């Protein structure tokens, strides 16, 4: 059981009332995914095409460029 002092601090910090069994925390996650409509032949600032920044064997997981240390695709102007 939580001590009375700790429970008071928890209520103050988490805006928790005593009527609910759980504190609900919403987590937002940003996930980068392959866009098949973007254009595979667009060139990144690193000089490699868009599709090279994804792993086809792992369901197009965004692994970064397979040929250099570029992890985020940024189109070359």
C-alpha atoms as a PDB file:
ATOM      1  CA  UNK A   1       0.000   0.000   0.000  1.00  0.00           C
ATOM      2  CA  UNK A   2       1.103   3.537  -0.674  1.00  0.00           C
ATOM      3  CA  UNK A   3       1.792   5.663   2.367  1.00  0.00           C
ATOM      4  CA  UNK A   4      -0.504   8.613   3.015  1.00  0.00           C
ATOM      5  CA  UNK A   5       2.246  11.155   2.274  1.00  0.00           C
ATOM      6  CA  UNK A   6       3.191   9.435  -0.984  1.00  0.00           C
ATOM      7  CA  UNK A   7      -0.452   9.169  -2.066  1.00  0.00           C
ATOM      8  CA  UNK A   8      -0.919  12.906  -1.415  1.00  0.00           C
ATOM      9  CA  UNK A   9       2.169  13.702  -3.531  1.00  0.00           C
ATOM     10  CA  UNK A  10       0.931  11.363  -6.267  1.00  0.00           C
ATOM     11  CA  UNK A  11      -2.430  13.123  -6.325  1.00  0.00           C
ATOM     12  CA  UNK A  12      -0.772  16.522  -6.558  1.00  0.00           C
ATOM     13  CA  UNK A  13       1.676  15.495  -9.289  1.00  0.00           C
ATOM     14  CA  UNK A  14      -0.595  13.338 -11.415  1.00  0.00           C
ATOM     15  CA  UNK A  15      -3.939  15.050 -10.796  1.00  0.00           C
ATOM     16  CA  UNK A  16      -5.203  11.677  -9.622  1.00  0.00           C
ATOM     17  CA  UNK A  17      -8.440  11.386  -7.719  1.00  0.00           C
ATOM     18  CA  UNK A  18      -9.126   8.535  -5.355  1.00  0.00           C
ATOM     19  CA  UNK A  19     -12.114   7.283  -7.337  1.00  0.00           C
ATOM     20  CA  UNK A  20     -10.132   5.650 -10.138  1.00  0.00           C
ATOM     21  CA  UNK A  21      -7.962   2.538  -9.830  1.00  0.00           C
ATOM     22  CA  UNK A  22      -5.415   3.666 -12.443  1.00  0.00           C
ATOM     23  CA  UNK A  23      -3.650   6.805 -13.542  1.00  0.00           C
ATOM     24  CA  UNK A  24      -3.985   7.038 -17.294  1.00  0.00           C
ATOM     25  CA  UNK A  25      -1.024   8.490 -19.134  1.00  0.00           C
ATOM     26  CA  UNK A  26      -1.350   9.253 -22.840  1.00  0.00           C
ATOM     27  CA  UNK A  27       1.804   8.623 -24.861  1.00  0.00           C
ATOM     28  CA  UNK A  28       2.295  10.026 -28.345  1.00  0.00           C
ATOM     29  CA  UNK A  29       4.835   8.317 -30.572  1.00  0.00           C
ATOM     30  CA  UNK A  30       6.182   9.692 -33.834  1.00  0.00           C
ATOM     31  CA  UNK A  31       6.838   6.906 -36.363  1.00  0.00           C
ATOM     32  CA  UNK A  32       8.539   7.511 -39.709  1.00  0.00           C
ATOM     33  CA  UNK A  33       7.182   5.252 -42.461  1.00  0.00           C
ATOM     34  CA  UNK A  34       7.902   4.638 -46.131  1.00  0.00           C
ATOM     35  CA  UNK A  35       5.636   6.625 -48.464  1.00  0.00           C
ATOM     36  CA  UNK A  36       5.169   4.720 -51.759  1.00  0.00           C
ATOM     37  CA  UNK A  37       3.706   7.839 -53.404  1.00  0.00           C
ATOM     38  CA  UNK A  38       6.698  10.061 -52.614  1.00  0.00           C
ATOM     39  CA  UNK A  39       8.884   8.836 -55.465  1.00  0.00           C
ATOM     40  CA  UNK A  40      11.653   6.267 -55.064  1.00  0.00           C
ATOM     41  CA  UNK A  41      14.071   8.096 -57.362  1.00  0.00           C
ATOM     42  CA  UNK A  42      14.145  11.378 -55.412  1.00  0.00           C
ATOM     43  CA  UNK A  43      17.680  12.113 -54.286  1.00  0.00           C
ATOM     44  CA  UNK A  44      18.666  12.795 -50.690  1.00  0.00           C
ATOM     45  CA  UNK A  45      21.265  15.354 -49.587  1.00  0.00           C
ATOM     46  CA  UNK A  46      23.567  12.368 -49.043  1.00  0.00           C
ATOM     47  CA  UNK A  47      23.347  11.599 -52.786  1.00  0.00           C
ATOM     48  CA  UNK A  48      21.389   8.332 -52.543  1.00  0.00           C
ATOM     49  CA  UNK A  49      17.782   7.683 -53.663  1.00  0.00           C
ATOM     50  CA  UNK A  50      14.792   7.743 -51.296  1.00  0.00           C
ATOM     51  CA  UNK A  51      14.171   3.973 -51.329  1.00  0.00           C
ATOM     52  CA  UNK A  52      17.714   3.305 -50.035  1.00  0.00           C
ATOM     53  CA  UNK A  53      16.705   4.793 -46.672  1.00  0.00           C
ATOM     54  CA  UNK A  54      14.325   1.870 -45.949  1.00  0.00           C
ATOM     55  CA  UNK A  55      14.830  -1.849 -45.356  1.00  0.00           C
ATOM     56  CA  UNK A  56      12.715  -3.820 -47.822  1.00  0.00           C
ATOM     57  CA  UNK A  57      13.386  -7.062 -45.917  1.00  0.00           C
ATOM     58  CA  UNK A  58      11.955  -5.564 -42.699  1.00  0.00           C
ATOM     59  CA  UNK A  59       8.607  -4.222 -43.957  1.00  0.00           C
ATOM     60  CA  UNK A  60      10.158  -0.933 -45.134  1.00  0.00           C
ATOM     61  CA  UNK A  61      11.485  -0.013 -41.707  1.00  0.00           C
ATOM     62  CA  UNK A  62      13.239   3.402 -41.860  1.00  0.00           C
ATOM     63  CA  UNK A  63      16.843   2.358 -41.210  1.00  0.00           C
ATOM     64  CA  UNK A  64      18.530   5.346 -42.810  1.00  0.00           C
ATOM     65  CA  UNK A  65      20.717   5.187 -45.867  1.00  0.00           C
ATOM     66  CA  UNK A  66      22.344   1.793 -46.301  1.00  0.00           C
ATOM     67  CA  UNK A  67      25.430   3.276 -47.972  1.00  0.00           C
ATOM     68  CA  UNK A  68      26.380   6.118 -45.603  1.00  0.00           C
ATOM     69  CA  UNK A  69      25.563   7.518 -42.159  1.00  0.00           C
ATOM     70  CA  UNK A  70      22.493   9.497 -43.300  1.00  0.00           C
ATOM     71  CA  UNK A  71      19.534   8.495 -41.089  1.00  0.00           C
ATOM     72  CA  UNK A  72      16.884  11.031 -42.130  1.00  0.00           C
ATOM     73  CA  UNK A  73      15.958  11.552 -45.787  1.00  0.00           C
ATOM     74  CA  UNK A  74      16.144  15.214 -46.791  1.00  0.00           C
ATOM     75  CA  UNK A  75      15.602  15.893 -50.468  1.00  0.00           C
ATOM     76  CA  UNK A  76      18.469  17.554 -52.319  1.00  0.00           C
ATOM     77  CA  UNK A  77      17.511  20.910 -53.751  1.00  0.00           C
END
